[in-house]
Amino acid sequence: FMCHTVMHVMFMVGGPVFRTLLFRYVISEQNYVKETGGEPVQL
């Protein structure tokens, strides 16, 4: 059960890290807003 929790934690940790990596591909969140120029996004 402890090891199964470690497997579960990998997604919990991977989510925030992956989001950080995504915005570092475009330098930062502020830079993304500047580059897109207010282009709408689908939800």
Full PDB file with SEQRES, HELIX, SHEET, SSBOND, CRYST1, ORIGX, SCALE, CONECT and MASTER records, all heavy atoms in Angstrom:
SEQRES   1 A   43  PHE MET CYS HIS THR VAL MET HIS VAL MET PHE MET VAL          
SEQRES   2 A   43  GLY GLY PRO VAL PHE ARG THR LEU LEU PHE ARG TYR VAL          
SEQRES   3 A   43  ILE SER GLU GLN ASN TYR VAL LYS GLU THR GLY GLY GLU          
SEQRES   4 A   43  PRO VAL GLN LEU                                              
HELIX    1 AA1 MET A    2  ARG A   24  1                                  23    
HELIX    2 AA2 GLU A   29  THR A   36  1                                   8    
CRYST1    1.000    1.000    1.000  90.00  90.00  90.00 P 1           1          
ORIGX1      1.000000  0.000000  0.000000        0.00000                         
ORIGX2      0.000000  1.000000  0.000000        0.00000                         
ORIGX3      0.000000  0.000000  1.000000        0.00000                         
SCALE1      1.000000  0.000000  0.000000        0.00000                         
SCALE2      0.000000  1.000000  0.000000        0.00000                         
SCALE3      0.000000  0.000000  1.000000        0.00000                         
ATOM      1  N   PHE A   1       0.835  -1.207   0.000  1.00  0.00           N  
ATOM      2  CA  PHE A   1       0.000   0.000   0.000  1.00  0.00           C  
ATOM      3  C   PHE A   1       0.867   1.253   0.000  1.00  0.00           C  
ATOM      4  O   PHE A   1       0.539   2.244  -0.665  1.00  0.00           O  
ATOM      5  CB  PHE A   1      -0.930  -0.005   1.212  1.00  0.00           C  
ATOM      6  CG  PHE A   1      -2.018   1.016   1.134  1.00  0.00           C  
ATOM      7  CD1 PHE A   1      -3.143   0.790   0.363  1.00  0.00           C  
ATOM      8  CD2 PHE A   1      -1.911   2.212   1.819  1.00  0.00           C  
ATOM      9  CE1 PHE A   1      -4.150   1.755   0.277  1.00  0.00           C  
ATOM     10  CE2 PHE A   1      -2.908   3.166   1.741  1.00  0.00           C  
ATOM     11  CZ  PHE A   1      -4.030   2.938   0.963  1.00  0.00           C  
ATOM     12  N   MET A   2       1.960   1.220   0.695  1.00  0.00           N  
ATOM     13  CA  MET A   2       2.878   2.354   0.703  1.00  0.00           C  
ATOM     14  C   MET A   2       3.495   2.559  -0.682  1.00  0.00           C  
ATOM     15  O   MET A   2       3.602   3.693  -1.171  1.00  0.00           O  
ATOM     16  CB  MET A   2       3.979   2.127   1.747  1.00  0.00           C  
ATOM     17  CG  MET A   2       4.846   3.332   2.015  1.00  0.00           C  
ATOM     18  SD  MET A   2       6.127   2.963   3.228  1.00  0.00           S  
ATOM     19  CE  MET A   2       5.114   2.481   4.641  1.00  0.00           C  
ATOM     20  N   CYS A   3       3.881   1.457  -1.331  1.00  0.00           N  
ATOM     21  CA  CYS A   3       4.455   1.557  -2.677  1.00  0.00           C  
ATOM     22  C   CYS A   3       3.404   1.985  -3.692  1.00  0.00           C  
ATOM     23  O   CYS A   3       3.701   2.734  -4.634  1.00  0.00           O  
ATOM     24  CB  CYS A   3       5.067   0.215  -3.084  1.00  0.00           C  
ATOM     25  SG  CYS A   3       6.482  -0.281  -2.076  1.00  0.00           S  
ATOM     26  N   HIS A   4       2.174   1.520  -3.503  1.00  0.00           N  
ATOM     27  CA  HIS A   4       1.088   1.967  -4.372  1.00  0.00           C  
ATOM     28  C   HIS A   4       0.846   3.461  -4.205  1.00  0.00           C  
ATOM     29  O   HIS A   4       0.529   4.164  -5.176  1.00  0.00           O  
ATOM     30  CB  HIS A   4      -0.187   1.185  -4.035  1.00  0.00           C  
ATOM     31  CG  HIS A   4      -1.348   1.520  -4.907  1.00  0.00           C  
ATOM     32  ND1 HIS A   4      -1.397   1.231  -6.248  1.00  0.00           N  
ATOM     33  CD2 HIS A   4      -2.533   2.136  -4.629  1.00  0.00           C  
ATOM     34  CE1 HIS A   4      -2.543   1.646  -6.758  1.00  0.00           C  
ATOM     35  NE2 HIS A   4      -3.247   2.201  -5.791  1.00  0.00           N  
ATOM     36  N   THR A   5       1.028   3.967  -3.002  1.00  0.00           N  
ATOM     37  CA  THR A   5       0.913   5.406  -2.761  1.00  0.00           C  
ATOM     38  C   THR A   5       2.018   6.165  -3.479  1.00  0.00           C  
ATOM     39  O   THR A   5       1.779   7.248  -4.028  1.00  0.00           O  
ATOM     40  CB  THR A   5       0.976   5.691  -1.249  1.00  0.00           C  
ATOM     41  OG1 THR A   5      -0.071   4.972  -0.588  1.00  0.00           O  
ATOM     42  CG2 THR A   5       0.829   7.174  -0.961  1.00  0.00           C  
ATOM     43  N   VAL A   6       3.228   5.600  -3.495  1.00  0.00           N  
ATOM     44  CA  VAL A   6       4.339   6.236  -4.217  1.00  0.00           C  
ATOM     45  C   VAL A   6       4.007   6.353  -5.704  1.00  0.00           C  
ATOM     46  O   VAL A   6       4.266   7.395  -6.335  1.00  0.00           O  
ATOM     47  CB  VAL A   6       5.635   5.437  -4.002  1.00  0.00           C  
ATOM     48  CG1 VAL A   6       6.751   5.956  -4.910  1.00  0.00           C  
ATOM     49  CG2 VAL A   6       6.075   5.503  -2.542  1.00  0.00           C  
ATOM     50  N   MET A   7       3.427   5.304  -6.282  1.00  0.00           N  
ATOM     51  CA  MET A   7       3.016   5.367  -7.688  1.00  0.00           C  
ATOM     52  C   MET A   7       1.988   6.466  -7.909  1.00  0.00           C  
ATOM     53  O   MET A   7       2.036   7.194  -8.904  1.00  0.00           O  
ATOM     54  CB  MET A   7       2.437   4.016  -8.116  1.00  0.00           C  
ATOM     55  CG  MET A   7       3.406   2.856  -8.036  1.00  0.00           C  
ATOM     56  SD  MET A   7       2.603   1.302  -8.506  1.00  0.00           S  
ATOM     57  CE  MET A   7       3.869   0.116  -8.077  1.00  0.00           C  
ATOM     58  N   HIS A   8       1.058   6.584  -6.982  1.00  0.00           N  
ATOM     59  CA  HIS A   8       0.028   7.622  -7.084  1.00  0.00           C  
ATOM     60  C   HIS A   8       0.643   9.012  -6.941  1.00  0.00           C  
ATOM     61  O   HIS A   8       0.237   9.952  -7.638  1.00  0.00           O  
ATOM     62  CB  HIS A   8      -1.026   7.389  -6.003  1.00  0.00           C  
ATOM     63  CG  HIS A   8      -2.191   8.324  -6.086  1.00  0.00           C  
ATOM     64  ND1 HIS A   8      -3.331   8.029  -6.783  1.00  0.00           N  
ATOM     65  CD2 HIS A   8      -2.385   9.560  -5.555  1.00  0.00           C  
ATOM     66  CE1 HIS A   8      -4.190   9.031  -6.686  1.00  0.00           C  
ATOM     67  NE2 HIS A   8      -3.642   9.973  -5.939  1.00  0.00           N  
ATOM     68  N   VAL A   9       1.615   9.140  -6.064  1.00  0.00           N  
ATOM     69  CA  VAL A   9       2.261  10.435  -5.830  1.00  0.00           C  
ATOM     70  C   VAL A   9       2.994  10.911  -7.080  1.00  0.00           C  
ATOM     71  O   VAL A   9       3.119  12.126  -7.312  1.00  0.00           O  
ATOM     72  CB  VAL A   9       3.218  10.332  -4.626  1.00  0.00           C  
ATOM     73  CG1 VAL A   9       4.141  11.535  -4.544  1.00  0.00           C  
ATOM     74  CG2 VAL A   9       2.425  10.196  -3.339  1.00  0.00           C  
ATOM     75  N   MET A  10       3.467   9.986  -7.908  1.00  0.00           N  
ATOM     76  CA  MET A  10       4.203  10.371  -9.104  1.00  0.00           C  
ATOM     77  C   MET A  10       3.349  11.227 -10.040  1.00  0.00           C  
ATOM     78  O   MET A  10       3.846  12.152 -10.679  1.00  0.00           O  
ATOM     79  CB  MET A  10       4.707   9.124  -9.837  1.00  0.00           C  
ATOM     80  CG  MET A  10       5.830   8.384  -9.127  1.00  0.00           C  
ATOM     81  SD  MET A  10       7.292   9.390  -8.814  1.00  0.00           S  
ATOM     82  CE  MET A  10       7.072   9.815  -7.086  1.00  0.00           C  
ATOM     83  N   PHE A  11       2.054  10.927 -10.130  1.00  0.00           N  
ATOM     84  CA  PHE A  11       1.190  11.775 -10.952  1.00  0.00           C  
ATOM     85  C   PHE A  11       0.927  13.109 -10.260  1.00  0.00           C  
ATOM     86  O   PHE A  11       0.881  14.158 -10.921  1.00  0.00           O  
ATOM     87  CB  PHE A  11      -0.133  11.065 -11.234  1.00  0.00           C  
ATOM     88  CG  PHE A  11      -1.081  11.881 -12.066  1.00  0.00           C  
ATOM     89  CD1 PHE A  11      -0.898  12.011 -13.434  1.00  0.00           C  
ATOM     90  CD2 PHE A  11      -2.156  12.539 -11.482  1.00  0.00           C  
ATOM     91  CE1 PHE A  11      -1.762  12.774 -14.208  1.00  0.00           C  
ATOM     92  CE2 PHE A  11      -3.031  13.293 -12.241  1.00  0.00           C  
ATOM     93  CZ  PHE A  11      -2.835  13.416 -13.615  1.00  0.00           C  
ATOM     94  N   MET A  12       0.749  13.088  -8.958  1.00  0.00           N  
ATOM     95  CA  MET A  12       0.511  14.322  -8.216  1.00  0.00           C  
ATOM     96  C   MET A  12       1.691  15.276  -8.356  1.00  0.00           C  
ATOM     97  O   MET A  12       1.513  16.485  -8.485  1.00  0.00           O  
ATOM     98  CB  MET A  12       0.258  14.015  -6.736  1.00  0.00           C  
ATOM     99  CG  MET A  12      -0.949  13.135  -6.496  1.00  0.00           C  
ATOM    100  SD  MET A  12      -1.336  12.840  -4.757  1.00  0.00           S  
ATOM    101  CE  MET A  12       0.258  12.813  -3.989  1.00  0.00           C  
ATOM    102  N   VAL A  13       2.898  14.751  -8.330  1.00  0.00           N  
ATOM    103  CA  VAL A  13       4.093  15.574  -8.467  1.00  0.00           C  
ATOM    104  C   VAL A  13       4.336  15.924  -9.937  1.00  0.00           C  
ATOM    105  O   VAL A  13       4.737  17.049 -10.271  1.00  0.00           O  
ATOM    106  CB  VAL A  13       5.313  14.847  -7.872  1.00  0.00           C  
ATOM    107  CG1 VAL A  13       6.594  15.628  -8.139  1.00  0.00           C  
ATOM    108  CG2 VAL A  13       5.124  14.636  -6.377  1.00  0.00           C  
ATOM    109  N   GLY A  14       4.080  14.958 -10.823  1.00  0.00           N  
ATOM    110  CA  GLY A  14       4.329  15.180 -12.242  1.00  0.00           C  
ATOM    111  C   GLY A  14       3.445  16.254 -12.842  1.00  0.00           C  
ATOM    112  O   GLY A  14       3.876  16.964 -13.769  1.00  0.00           O  
ATOM    113  N   GLY A  15       2.217  16.415 -12.345  1.00  0.00           N  
ATOM    114  CA  GLY A  15       1.326  17.428 -12.889  1.00  0.00           C  
ATOM    115  C   GLY A  15       1.876  18.842 -12.756  1.00  0.00           C  
ATOM    116  O   GLY A  15       2.024  19.557 -13.767  1.00  0.00           O  
ATOM    117  N   PRO A  16       2.192  19.317 -11.548  1.00  0.00           N  
ATOM    118  CA  PRO A  16       2.765  20.663 -11.420  1.00  0.00           C  
ATOM    119  C   PRO A  16       4.100  20.842 -12.141  1.00  0.00           C  
ATOM    120  O   PRO A  16       4.363  21.908 -12.706  1.00  0.00           O  
ATOM    121  CB  PRO A  16       2.937  20.820  -9.900  1.00  0.00           C  
ATOM    122  CG  PRO A  16       1.939  19.885  -9.305  1.00  0.00           C  
ATOM    123  CD  PRO A  16       1.879  18.723 -10.236  1.00  0.00           C  
ATOM    124  N   VAL A  17       4.936  19.804 -12.129  1.00  0.00           N  
ATOM    125  CA  VAL A  17       6.231  19.908 -12.813  1.00  0.00           C  
ATOM    126  C   VAL A  17       6.019  20.043 -14.315  1.00  0.00           C  
ATOM    127  O   VAL A  17       6.691  20.843 -14.991  1.00  0.00           O  
ATOM    128  CB  VAL A  17       7.107  18.688 -12.484  1.00  0.00           C  
ATOM    129  CG1 VAL A  17       8.382  18.694 -13.328  1.00  0.00           C  
ATOM    130  CG2 VAL A  17       7.456  18.655 -11.008  1.00  0.00           C  
ATOM    131  N   PHE A  18       5.080  19.266 -14.853  1.00  0.00           N  
ATOM    132  CA  PHE A  18       4.818  19.329 -16.294  1.00  0.00           C  
ATOM    133  C   PHE A  18       4.250  20.691 -16.684  1.00  0.00           C  
ATOM    134  O   PHE A  18       4.594  21.245 -17.739  1.00  0.00           O  
ATOM    135  CB  PHE A  18       3.852  18.218 -16.688  1.00  0.00           C  
ATOM    136  CG  PHE A  18       3.608  18.122 -18.169  1.00  0.00           C  
ATOM    137  CD1 PHE A  18       4.662  17.960 -19.057  1.00  0.00           C  
ATOM    138  CD2 PHE A  18       2.328  18.192 -18.677  1.00  0.00           C  
ATOM    139  CE1 PHE A  18       4.439  17.874 -20.426  1.00  0.00           C  
ATOM    140  CE2 PHE A  18       2.089  18.101 -20.033  1.00  0.00           C  
ATOM    141  CZ  PHE A  18       3.150  17.940 -20.914  1.00  0.00           C  
ATOM    142  N   ARG A  19       3.391  21.265 -15.859  1.00  0.00           N  
ATOM    143  CA  ARG A  19       2.859  22.590 -16.159  1.00  0.00           C  
ATOM    144  C   ARG A  19       3.973  23.641 -16.135  1.00  0.00           C  
ATOM    145  O   ARG A  19       4.007  24.546 -16.981  1.00  0.00           O  
ATOM    146  CB  ARG A  19       1.770  22.970 -15.145  1.00  0.00           C  
ATOM    147  CG  ARG A  19       1.039  24.246 -15.521  1.00  0.00           C  
ATOM    148  CD  ARG A  19       0.059  24.680 -14.454  1.00  0.00           C  
ATOM    149  NE  ARG A  19      -0.681  25.856 -14.896  1.00  0.00           N  
ATOM    150  CZ  ARG A  19      -0.207  27.091 -14.858  1.00  0.00           C  
ATOM    151  NH1 ARG A  19       1.004  27.312 -14.361  1.00  0.00           N  
ATOM    152  NH2 ARG A  19      -0.942  28.106 -15.293  1.00  0.00           N  
ATOM    153  N   THR A  20       4.886  23.517 -15.176  1.00  0.00           N  
ATOM    154  CA  THR A  20       6.035  24.429 -15.140  1.00  0.00           C  
ATOM    155  C   THR A  20       6.872  24.303 -16.397  1.00  0.00           C  
ATOM    156  O   THR A  20       7.297  25.309 -16.984  1.00  0.00           O  
ATOM    157  CB  THR A  20       6.896  24.122 -13.897  1.00  0.00           C  
ATOM    158  OG1 THR A  20       6.105  24.254 -12.718  1.00  0.00           O  
ATOM    159  CG2 THR A  20       8.087  25.061 -13.823  1.00  0.00           C  
ATOM    160  N   LEU A  21       7.088  23.070 -16.847  1.00  0.00           N  
ATOM    161  CA  LEU A  21       7.870  22.843 -18.067  1.00  0.00           C  
ATOM    162  C   LEU A  21       7.172  23.430 -19.292  1.00  0.00           C  
ATOM    163  O   LEU A  21       7.832  24.009 -20.174  1.00  0.00           O  
ATOM    164  CB  LEU A  21       8.099  21.344 -18.251  1.00  0.00           C  
ATOM    165  CG  LEU A  21       8.887  20.916 -19.495  1.00  0.00           C  
ATOM    166  CD1 LEU A  21      10.302  21.484 -19.469  1.00  0.00           C  
ATOM    167  CD2 LEU A  21       8.929  19.399 -19.604  1.00  0.00           C  
ATOM    168  N   LEU A  22       5.855  23.292 -19.361  1.00  0.00           N  
ATOM    169  CA  LEU A  22       5.116  23.822 -20.508  1.00  0.00           C  
ATOM    170  C   LEU A  22       5.315  25.321 -20.661  1.00  0.00           C  
ATOM    171  O   LEU A  22       5.558  25.824 -21.772  1.00  0.00           O  
ATOM    172  CB  LEU A  22       3.628  23.502 -20.356  1.00  0.00           C  
ATOM    173  CG  LEU A  22       3.205  22.047 -20.547  1.00  0.00           C  
ATOM    174  CD1 LEU A  22       1.739  21.868 -20.195  1.00  0.00           C  
ATOM    175  CD2 LEU A  22       3.469  21.580 -21.964  1.00  0.00           C  
ATOM    176  N   PHE A  23       5.243  26.057 -19.575  1.00  0.00           N  
ATOM    177  CA  PHE A  23       5.380  27.514 -19.672  1.00  0.00           C  
ATOM    178  C   PHE A  23       6.847  27.929 -19.795  1.00  0.00           C  
ATOM    179  O   PHE A  23       7.121  29.042 -20.267  1.00  0.00           O  
ATOM    180  CB  PHE A  23       4.717  28.195 -18.485  1.00  0.00           C  
ATOM    181  CG  PHE A  23       3.229  28.317 -18.636  1.00  0.00           C  
ATOM    182  CD1 PHE A  23       2.379  27.475 -17.954  1.00  0.00           C  
ATOM    183  CD2 PHE A  23       2.689  29.260 -19.496  1.00  0.00           C  
ATOM    184  CE1 PHE A  23       1.011  27.570 -18.109  1.00  0.00           C  
ATOM    185  CE2 PHE A  23       1.314  29.367 -19.662  1.00  0.00           C  
ATOM    186  CZ  PHE A  23       0.471  28.523 -18.968  1.00  0.00           C  
ATOM    187  N   ARG A  24       7.777  27.066 -19.422  1.00  0.00           N  
ATOM    188  CA  ARG A  24       9.183  27.390 -19.676  1.00  0.00           C  
ATOM    189  C   ARG A  24       9.536  27.207 -21.143  1.00  0.00           C  
ATOM    190  O   ARG A  24      10.524  27.790 -21.613  1.00  0.00           O  
ATOM    191  CB  ARG A  24      10.082  26.528 -18.794  1.00  0.00           C  
ATOM    192  CG  ARG A  24      10.047  26.948 -17.339  1.00  0.00           C  
ATOM    193  CD  ARG A  24      11.130  26.305 -16.516  1.00  0.00           C  
ATOM    194  NE  ARG A  24      11.030  26.742 -15.122  1.00  0.00           N  
ATOM    195  CZ  ARG A  24      11.863  26.352 -14.163  1.00  0.00           C  
ATOM    196  NH1 ARG A  24      12.864  25.510 -14.439  1.00  0.00           N  
ATOM    197  NH2 ARG A  24      11.702  26.791 -12.927  1.00  0.00           N  
ATOM    198  N   TYR A  25       8.760  26.408 -21.853  1.00  0.00           N  
ATOM    199  CA  TYR A  25       8.953  26.315 -23.295  1.00  0.00           C  
ATOM    200  C   TYR A  25       8.673  27.651 -23.974  1.00  0.00           C  
ATOM    201  O   TYR A  25       9.218  27.946 -25.041  1.00  0.00           O  
ATOM    202  CB  TYR A  25       8.037  25.247 -23.893  1.00  0.00           C  
ATOM    203  CG  TYR A  25       8.493  23.822 -23.653  1.00  0.00           C  
ATOM    204  CD1 TYR A  25       7.563  22.808 -23.450  1.00  0.00           C  
ATOM    205  CD2 TYR A  25       9.839  23.493 -23.639  1.00  0.00           C  
ATOM    206  CE1 TYR A  25       7.970  21.497 -23.227  1.00  0.00           C  
ATOM    207  CE2 TYR A  25      10.260  22.195 -23.417  1.00  0.00           C  
ATOM    208  CZ  TYR A  25       9.318  21.196 -23.209  1.00  0.00           C  
ATOM    209  OH  TYR A  25       9.725  19.902 -22.998  1.00  0.00           O  
ATOM    210  N   VAL A  26       7.800  28.459 -23.362  1.00  0.00           N  
ATOM    211  CA  VAL A  26       7.495  29.794 -23.908  1.00  0.00           C  
ATOM    212  C   VAL A  26       8.037  30.882 -22.982  1.00  0.00           C  
ATOM    213  O   VAL A  26       7.524  32.000 -22.950  1.00  0.00           O  
ATOM    214  CB  VAL A  26       5.972  29.958 -24.102  1.00  0.00           C  
ATOM    215  CG1 VAL A  26       5.484  29.049 -25.195  1.00  0.00           C  
ATOM    216  CG2 VAL A  26       5.202  29.703 -22.809  1.00  0.00           C  
ATOM    217  N   ILE A  27       9.021  30.535 -22.182  1.00  0.00           N  
ATOM    218  CA  ILE A  27       9.758  31.403 -21.256  1.00  0.00           C  
ATOM    219  C   ILE A  27       8.969  31.643 -19.963  1.00  0.00           C  
ATOM    220  O   ILE A  27       9.475  31.368 -18.873  1.00  0.00           O  
ATOM    221  CB  ILE A  27      10.129  32.755 -21.903  1.00  0.00           C  
ATOM    222  CG1 ILE A  27      11.000  32.499 -23.153  1.00  0.00           C  
ATOM    223  CG2 ILE A  27      10.874  33.642 -20.913  1.00  0.00           C  
ATOM    224  CD1 ILE A  27      11.362  33.759 -23.907  1.00  0.00           C  
ATOM    225  N   SER A  28       7.708  32.123 -20.047  1.00  0.00           N  
ATOM    226  CA  SER A  28       6.928  32.395 -18.842  1.00  0.00           C  
ATOM    227  C   SER A  28       5.464  32.577 -19.223  1.00  0.00           C  
ATOM    228  O   SER A  28       5.108  32.653 -20.412  1.00  0.00           O  
ATOM    229  CB  SER A  28       7.450  33.639 -18.121  1.00  0.00           C  
ATOM    230  OG  SER A  28       7.258  34.785 -18.930  1.00  0.00           O  
ATOM    231  N   GLU A  29       4.606  32.658 -18.216  1.00  0.00           N  
ATOM    232  CA  GLU A  29       3.186  32.897 -18.457  1.00  0.00           C  
ATOM    233  C   GLU A  29       2.955  34.276 -19.049  1.00  0.00           C  
ATOM    234  O   GLU A  29       2.109  34.447 -19.940  1.00  0.00           O  
ATOM    235  CB  GLU A  29       2.403  32.741 -17.144  1.00  0.00           C  
ATOM    236  CG  GLU A  29       2.406  31.332 -16.568  1.00  0.00           C  
ATOM    237  CD  GLU A  29       1.595  31.234 -15.286  1.00  0.00           C  
ATOM    238  OE1 GLU A  29       0.985  32.253 -14.897  1.00  0.00           O  
ATOM    239  OE2 GLU A  29       1.553  30.137 -14.686  1.00  0.00           O  
ATOM    240  N   GLN A  30       3.678  35.276 -18.546  1.00  0.00           N  
ATOM    241  CA  GLN A  30       3.513  36.624 -19.064  1.00  0.00           C  
ATOM    242  C   GLN A  30       3.933  36.702 -20.528  1.00  0.00           C  
ATOM    243  O   GLN A  30       3.269  37.373 -21.337  1.00  0.00           O  
ATOM    244  CB  GLN A  30       4.341  37.619 -18.232  1.00  0.00           C  
ATOM    245  CG  GLN A  30       3.859  37.809 -16.808  1.00  0.00           C  
ATOM    246  CD  GLN A  30       4.271  36.675 -15.872  1.00  0.00           C  
ATOM    247  OE1 GLN A  30       5.060  35.806 -16.253  1.00  0.00           O  
ATOM    248  NE2 GLN A  30       3.733  36.690 -14.664  1.00  0.00           N  
ATOM    249  N   ASN A  31       5.002  36.006 -20.868  1.00  0.00           N  
ATOM    250  CA  ASN A  31       5.455  36.017 -22.257  1.00  0.00           C  
ATOM    251  C   ASN A  31       4.448  35.308 -23.165  1.00  0.00           C  
ATOM    252  O   ASN A  31       4.269  35.706 -24.323  1.00  0.00           O  
ATOM    253  CB  ASN A  31       6.824  35.332 -22.361  1.00  0.00           C  
ATOM    254  CG  ASN A  31       7.435  35.479 -23.741  1.00  0.00           C  
ATOM    255  OD1 ASN A  31       7.792  36.585 -24.145  1.00  0.00           O  
ATOM    256  ND2 ASN A  31       7.545  34.389 -24.472  1.00  0.00           N  
ATOM    257  N   TYR A  32       3.793  34.269 -22.640  1.00  0.00           N  
ATOM    258  CA  TYR A  32       2.763  33.592 -23.431  1.00  0.00           C  
ATOM    259  C   TYR A  32       1.612  34.540 -23.745  1.00  0.00           C  
ATOM    260  O   TYR A  32       1.115  34.579 -24.887  1.00  0.00           O  
ATOM    261  CB  TYR A  32       2.237  32.372 -22.690  1.00  0.00           C  
ATOM    262  CG  TYR A  32       0.987  31.782 -23.312  1.00  0.00           C  
ATOM    263  CD1 TYR A  32       1.064  30.969 -24.431  1.00  0.00           C  
ATOM    264  CD2 TYR A  32      -0.270  32.087 -22.795  1.00  0.00           C  
ATOM    265  CE1 TYR A  32      -0.080  30.455 -25.026  1.00  0.00           C  
ATOM    266  CE2 TYR A  32      -1.422  31.578 -23.377  1.00  0.00           C  
ATOM    267  CZ  TYR A  32      -1.322  30.769 -24.489  1.00  0.00           C  
ATOM    268  OH  TYR A  32      -2.463  30.269 -25.074  1.00  0.00           O  
ATOM    269  N   VAL A  33       1.176  35.307 -22.768  1.00  0.00           N  
ATOM    270  CA  VAL A  33       0.087  36.251 -22.983  1.00  0.00           C  
ATOM    271  C   VAL A  33       0.477  37.291 -24.034  1.00  0.00           C  
ATOM    272  O   VAL A  33      -0.337  37.679 -24.894  1.00  0.00           O  
ATOM    273  CB  VAL A  33      -0.313  36.928 -21.655  1.00  0.00           C  
ATOM    274  CG1 VAL A  33      -1.363  38.012 -21.890  1.00  0.00           C  
ATOM    275  CG2 VAL A  33      -0.832  35.901 -20.663  1.00  0.00           C  
ATOM    276  N   LYS A  34       1.741  37.719 -24.009  1.00  0.00           N  
ATOM    277  CA  LYS A  34       2.194  38.699 -24.991  1.00  0.00           C  
ATOM    278  C   LYS A  34       2.249  38.098 -26.388  1.00  0.00           C  
ATOM    279  O   LYS A  34       1.849  38.737 -27.373  1.00  0.00           O  
ATOM    280  CB  LYS A  34       3.580  39.219 -24.594  1.00  0.00           C  
ATOM    281  CG  LYS A  34       3.593  40.068 -23.336  1.00  0.00           C  
ATOM    282  CD  LYS A  34       4.999  40.517 -23.012  1.00  0.00           C  
ATOM    283  CE  LYS A  34       5.026  41.338 -21.719  1.00  0.00           C  
ATOM    284  NZ  LYS A  34       6.414  41.756 -21.378  1.00  0.00           N  
ATOM    285  N   GLU A  35       2.753  36.860 -26.503  1.00  0.00           N  
ATOM    286  CA  GLU A  35       2.905  36.239 -27.823  1.00  0.00           C  
ATOM    287  C   GLU A  35       1.564  35.914 -28.464  1.00  0.00           C  
ATOM    288  O   GLU A  35       1.401  36.012 -29.680  1.00  0.00           O  
ATOM    289  CB  GLU A  35       3.756  34.967 -27.717  1.00  0.00           C  
ATOM    290  CG  GLU A  35       5.225  35.217 -27.445  1.00  0.00           C  
ATOM    291  CD  GLU A  35       6.050  33.953 -27.611  1.00  0.00           C  
ATOM    292  OE1 GLU A  35       5.660  33.080 -28.411  1.00  0.00           O  
ATOM    293  OE2 GLU A  35       7.087  33.833 -26.931  1.00  0.00           O  
ATOM    294  N   THR A  36       0.608  35.481 -27.664  1.00  0.00           N  
ATOM    295  CA  THR A  36      -0.692  35.107 -28.229  1.00  0.00           C  
ATOM    296  C   THR A  36      -1.559  36.324 -28.530  1.00  0.00           C  
ATOM    297  O   THR A  36      -2.450  36.232 -29.376  1.00  0.00           O  
ATOM    298  CB  THR A  36      -1.446  34.171 -27.269  1.00  0.00           C  
ATOM    299  OG1 THR A  36      -1.548  34.790 -25.977  1.00  0.00           O  
ATOM    300  CG2 THR A  36      -0.717  32.847 -27.145  1.00  0.00           C  
ATOM    301  N   GLY A  37      -1.338  37.410 -27.829  1.00  0.00           N  
ATOM    302  CA  GLY A  37      -2.096  38.618 -28.093  1.00  0.00           C  
ATOM    303  C   GLY A  37      -3.573  38.500 -27.794  1.00  0.00           C  
ATOM    304  O   GLY A  37      -4.417  39.018 -28.534  1.00  0.00           O  
ATOM    305  N   GLY A  38      -3.915  37.791 -26.728  1.00  0.00           N  
ATOM    306  CA  GLY A  38      -5.317  37.688 -26.335  1.00  0.00           C  
ATOM    307  C   GLY A  38      -6.119  36.712 -27.172  1.00  0.00           C  
ATOM    308  O   GLY A  38      -7.349  36.871 -27.292  1.00  0.00           O  
ATOM    309  N   GLU A  39      -5.472  35.700 -27.738  1.00  0.00           N  
ATOM    310  CA  GLU A  39      -6.199  34.694 -28.526  1.00  0.00           C  
ATOM    311  C   GLU A  39      -6.994  33.783 -27.592  1.00  0.00           C  
ATOM    312  O   GLU A  39      -6.438  33.233 -26.633  1.00  0.00           O  
ATOM    313  CB  GLU A  39      -5.211  33.863 -29.349  1.00  0.00           C  
ATOM    314  CG  GLU A  39      -5.875  32.849 -30.253  1.00  0.00           C  
ATOM    315  CD  GLU A  39      -4.853  32.063 -31.059  1.00  0.00           C  
ATOM    316  OE1 GLU A  39      -3.651  32.388 -30.963  1.00  0.00           O  
ATOM    317  OE2 GLU A  39      -5.256  31.120 -31.766  1.00  0.00           O  
ATOM    318  N   PRO A  40      -8.290  33.582 -27.833  1.00  0.00           N  
ATOM    319  CA  PRO A  40      -9.108  32.764 -26.922  1.00  0.00           C  
ATOM    320  C   PRO A  40      -8.745  31.294 -26.986  1.00  0.00           C  
ATOM    321  O   PRO A  40      -8.214  30.790 -27.983  1.00  0.00           O  
ATOM    322  CB  PRO A  40     -10.545  33.021 -27.410  1.00  0.00           C  
ATOM    323  CG  PRO A  40     -10.401  33.417 -28.842  1.00  0.00           C  
ATOM    324  CD  PRO A  40      -9.085  34.153 -28.935  1.00  0.00           C  
ATOM    325  N   VAL A  41      -9.055  30.586 -25.898  1.00  0.00           N  
ATOM    326  CA  VAL A  41      -8.722  29.167 -25.749  1.00  0.00           C  
ATOM    327  C   VAL A  41      -9.995  28.394 -25.444  1.00  0.00           C  
ATOM    328  O   VAL A  41     -10.848  28.861 -24.673  1.00  0.00           O  
ATOM    329  CB  VAL A  41      -7.692  28.945 -24.612  1.00  0.00           C  
ATOM    330  CG1 VAL A  41      -7.376  27.471 -24.436  1.00  0.00           C  
ATOM    331  CG2 VAL A  41      -6.430  29.732 -24.894  1.00  0.00           C  
ATOM    332  N   GLN A  42     -10.125  27.203 -26.030  1.00  0.00           N  
ATOM    333  CA  GLN A  42     -11.276  26.353 -25.764  1.00  0.00           C  
ATOM    334  C   GLN A  42     -11.091  25.601 -24.449  1.00  0.00           C  
ATOM    335  O   GLN A  42      -9.987  25.183 -24.116  1.00  0.00           O  
ATOM    336  CB  GLN A  42     -11.482  25.361 -26.910  1.00  0.00           C  
ATOM    337  CG  GLN A  42     -11.926  25.983 -28.210  1.00  0.00           C  
ATOM    338  CD  GLN A  42     -12.182  24.950 -29.283  1.00  0.00           C  
ATOM    339  OE1 GLN A  42     -11.829  23.783 -29.128  1.00  0.00           O  
ATOM    340  NE2 GLN A  42     -12.802  25.373 -30.376  1.00  0.00           N  
ATOM    341  N   LEU A  43     -12.203  25.413 -23.740  1.00  0.00           N  
ATOM    342  CA  LEU A  43     -12.184  24.709 -22.459  1.00  0.00           C  
ATOM    343  C   LEU A  43     -12.713  23.278 -22.559  1.00  0.00           C  
ATOM    344  O   LEU A  43     -12.585  22.516 -21.601  1.00  0.00           O  
ATOM    345  CB  LEU A  43     -13.017  25.474 -21.423  1.00  0.00           C  
ATOM    346  CG  LEU A  43     -12.570  26.905 -21.099  1.00  0.00           C  
ATOM    347  CD1 LEU A  43     -13.486  27.502 -20.041  1.00  0.00           C  
ATOM    348  CD2 LEU A  43     -11.120  26.942 -20.634  1.00  0.00           C  
TER     349      LEU A  43                                                      
MASTER        0    0    0    2    0    0    0    6  348    1    0    4          
END                                                                             
